[in-house]
Amino acid sequence: MDKIVEIFCDVDDFCTVFIPEWEKPLIETGD
């Protein structure tokens, strides 16, 4: 169970970094 939580937290940390970077071009182009 701890391993799942650990993986989820790693993914969550990844998402907090990745998603804003991914959205930036979308916001800039207006799409």
PDB file of N, CA and C in Angstrom:
ATOM      1  N   MET A   1       0.828  -1.203   0.000  1.00  0.00           N
ATOM      2  CA  MET A   1       0.000   0.000   0.000  1.00  0.00           C
ATOM      3  C   MET A   1       0.868   1.262   0.000  1.00  0.00           C
ATOM      4  N   ASP A   2       1.911   1.277   0.823  1.00  0.00           N
ATOM      5  CA  ASP A   2       2.799   2.439   0.885  1.00  0.00           C
ATOM      6  C   ASP A   2       3.424   2.735  -0.479  1.00  0.00           C
ATOM      7  N   LYS A   3       3.729   1.675  -1.221  1.00  0.00           N
ATOM      8  CA  LYS A   3       4.348   1.848  -2.531  1.00  0.00           C
ATOM      9  C   LYS A   3       3.410   2.594  -3.472  1.00  0.00           C
ATOM     10  N   ILE A   4       2.133   2.269  -3.414  1.00  0.00           N
ATOM     11  CA  ILE A   4       1.144   2.954  -4.245  1.00  0.00           C
ATOM     12  C   ILE A   4       1.093   4.439  -3.885  1.00  0.00           C
ATOM     13  N   VAL A   5       1.082   4.712  -2.591  1.00  0.00           N
ATOM     14  CA  VAL A   5       1.059   6.103  -2.126  1.00  0.00           C
ATOM     15  C   VAL A   5       2.320   6.830  -2.587  1.00  0.00           C
ATOM     16  N   GLU A   6       3.441   6.153  -2.492  1.00  0.00           N
ATOM     17  CA  GLU A   6       4.724   6.731  -2.904  1.00  0.00           C
ATOM     18  C   GLU A   6       4.703   7.079  -4.392  1.00  0.00           C
ATOM     19  N   ILE A   7       4.215   6.152  -5.199  1.00  0.00           N
ATOM     20  CA  ILE A   7       4.118   6.371  -6.642  1.00  0.00           C
ATOM     21  C   ILE A   7       3.162   7.521  -6.931  1.00  0.00           C
ATOM     22  N   PHE A   8       2.012   7.523  -6.249  1.00  0.00           N
ATOM     23  CA  PHE A   8       1.024   8.577  -6.453  1.00  0.00           C
ATOM     24  C   PHE A   8       1.620   9.943  -6.136  1.00  0.00           C
ATOM     25  N   CYS A   9       2.360  10.030  -5.053  1.00  0.00           N
ATOM     26  CA  CYS A   9       2.982  11.297  -4.664  1.00  0.00           C
ATOM     27  C   CYS A   9       4.015  11.743  -5.694  1.00  0.00           C
ATOM     28  N   ASP A  10       4.778  10.792  -6.224  1.00  0.00           N
ATOM     29  CA  ASP A  10       5.753  11.117  -7.264  1.00  0.00           C
ATOM     30  C   ASP A  10       5.039  11.643  -8.505  1.00  0.00           C
ATOM     31  N   VAL A  11       3.947  10.990  -8.877  1.00  0.00           N
ATOM     32  CA  VAL A  11       3.166  11.415 -10.035  1.00  0.00           C
ATOM     33  C   VAL A  11       2.548  12.785  -9.775  1.00  0.00           C
ATOM     34  N   ASP A  12       2.056  12.990  -8.551  1.00  0.00           N
ATOM     35  CA  ASP A  12       1.440  14.266  -8.200  1.00  0.00           C
ATOM     36  C   ASP A  12       2.468  15.395  -8.274  1.00  0.00           C
ATOM     37  N   ASP A  13       3.673  15.140  -7.778  1.00  0.00           N
ATOM     38  CA  ASP A  13       4.752  16.131  -7.872  1.00  0.00           C
ATOM     39  C   ASP A  13       5.076  16.417  -9.336  1.00  0.00           C
ATOM     40  N   PHE A  14       5.095  15.362 -10.143  1.00  0.00           N
ATOM     41  CA  PHE A  14       5.348  15.506 -11.568  1.00  0.00           C
ATOM     42  C   PHE A  14       4.269  16.373 -12.210  1.00  0.00           C
ATOM     43  N   CYS A  15       3.019  16.102 -11.853  1.00  0.00           N
ATOM     44  CA  CYS A  15       1.905  16.840 -12.440  1.00  0.00           C
ATOM     45  C   CYS A  15       1.928  18.314 -12.065  1.00  0.00           C
ATOM     46  N   THR A  16       2.304  18.617 -10.828  1.00  0.00           N
ATOM     47  CA  THR A  16       2.327  20.019 -10.400  1.00  0.00           C
ATOM     48  C   THR A  16       3.363  20.812 -11.189  1.00  0.00           C
ATOM     49  N   VAL A  17       4.400  20.136 -11.663  1.00  0.00           N
ATOM     50  CA  VAL A  17       5.428  20.777 -12.481  1.00  0.00           C
ATOM     51  C   VAL A  17       5.034  20.738 -13.953  1.00  0.00           C
ATOM     52  N   PHE A  18       4.558  19.585 -14.406  1.00  0.00           N
ATOM     53  CA  PHE A  18       4.322  19.349 -15.829  1.00  0.00           C
ATOM     54  C   PHE A  18       3.101  20.091 -16.363  1.00  0.00           C
ATOM     55  N   ILE A  19       2.005  20.074 -15.629  1.00  0.00           N
ATOM     56  CA  ILE A  19       0.753  20.633 -16.133  1.00  0.00           C
ATOM     57  C   ILE A  19       0.865  22.135 -16.427  1.00  0.00           C
ATOM     58  N   PRO A  20       1.395  22.958 -15.501  1.00  0.00           N
ATOM     59  CA  PRO A  20       1.552  24.382 -15.850  1.00  0.00           C
ATOM     60  C   PRO A  20       2.442  24.603 -17.074  1.00  0.00           C
ATOM     61  N   GLU A  21       3.491  23.803 -17.217  1.00  0.00           N
ATOM     62  CA  GLU A  21       4.380  23.909 -18.374  1.00  0.00           C
ATOM     63  C   GLU A  21       3.642  23.532 -19.654  1.00  0.00           C
ATOM     64  N   TRP A  22       2.745  22.538 -19.550  1.00  0.00           N
ATOM     65  CA  TRP A  22       1.983  22.051 -20.691  1.00  0.00           C
ATOM     66  C   TRP A  22       0.893  23.047 -21.075  1.00  0.00           C
ATOM     67  N   GLU A  23       0.308  23.713 -20.086  1.00  0.00           N
ATOM     68  CA  GLU A  23      -0.768  24.663 -20.348  1.00  0.00           C
ATOM     69  C   GLU A  23      -0.249  25.991 -20.905  1.00  0.00           C
ATOM     70  N   LYS A  24       0.991  26.329 -20.595  1.00  0.00           N
ATOM     71  CA  LYS A  24       1.546  27.618 -21.013  1.00  0.00           C
ATOM     72  C   LYS A  24       1.387  27.876 -22.519  1.00  0.00           C
ATOM     73  N   PRO A  25       1.811  26.966 -23.386  1.00  0.00           N
ATOM     74  CA  PRO A  25       1.641  27.205 -24.827  1.00  0.00           C
ATOM     75  C   PRO A  25       0.173  27.329 -25.226  1.00  0.00           C
ATOM     76  N   LEU A  26      -0.711  26.587 -24.571  1.00  0.00           N
ATOM     77  CA  LEU A  26      -2.138  26.670 -24.879  1.00  0.00           C
ATOM     78  C   LEU A  26      -2.680  28.053 -24.546  1.00  0.00           C
ATOM     79  N   ILE A  27      -2.249  28.598 -23.416  1.00  0.00           N
ATOM     80  CA  ILE A  27      -2.677  29.928 -22.989  1.00  0.00           C
ATOM     81  C   ILE A  27      -2.107  30.989 -23.944  1.00  0.00           C
ATOM     82  N   GLU A  28      -0.863  30.832 -24.328  1.00  0.00           N
ATOM     83  CA  GLU A  28      -0.200  31.803 -25.199  1.00  0.00           C
ATOM     84  C   GLU A  28      -0.826  31.845 -26.594  1.00  0.00           C
ATOM     85  N   THR A  29      -1.225  30.689 -27.122  1.00  0.00           N
ATOM     86  CA  THR A  29      -1.818  30.644 -28.456  1.00  0.00           C
ATOM     87  C   THR A  29      -3.305  30.962 -28.422  1.00  0.00           C
ATOM     88  N   GLY A  30      -3.916  30.894 -27.247  1.00  0.00           N
ATOM     89  CA  GLY A  30      -5.326  31.217 -27.087  1.00  0.00           C
ATOM     90  C   GLY A  30      -6.256  30.055 -27.409  1.00  0.00           C
ATOM     91  N   ASP A  31      -5.709  28.878 -27.610  1.00  0.00           N
ATOM     92  CA  ASP A  31      -6.539  27.691 -27.878  1.00  0.00           C
ATOM     93  C   ASP A  31      -7.127  27.132 -26.603  1.00  0.00           C
TER      94      ASP A  31
END
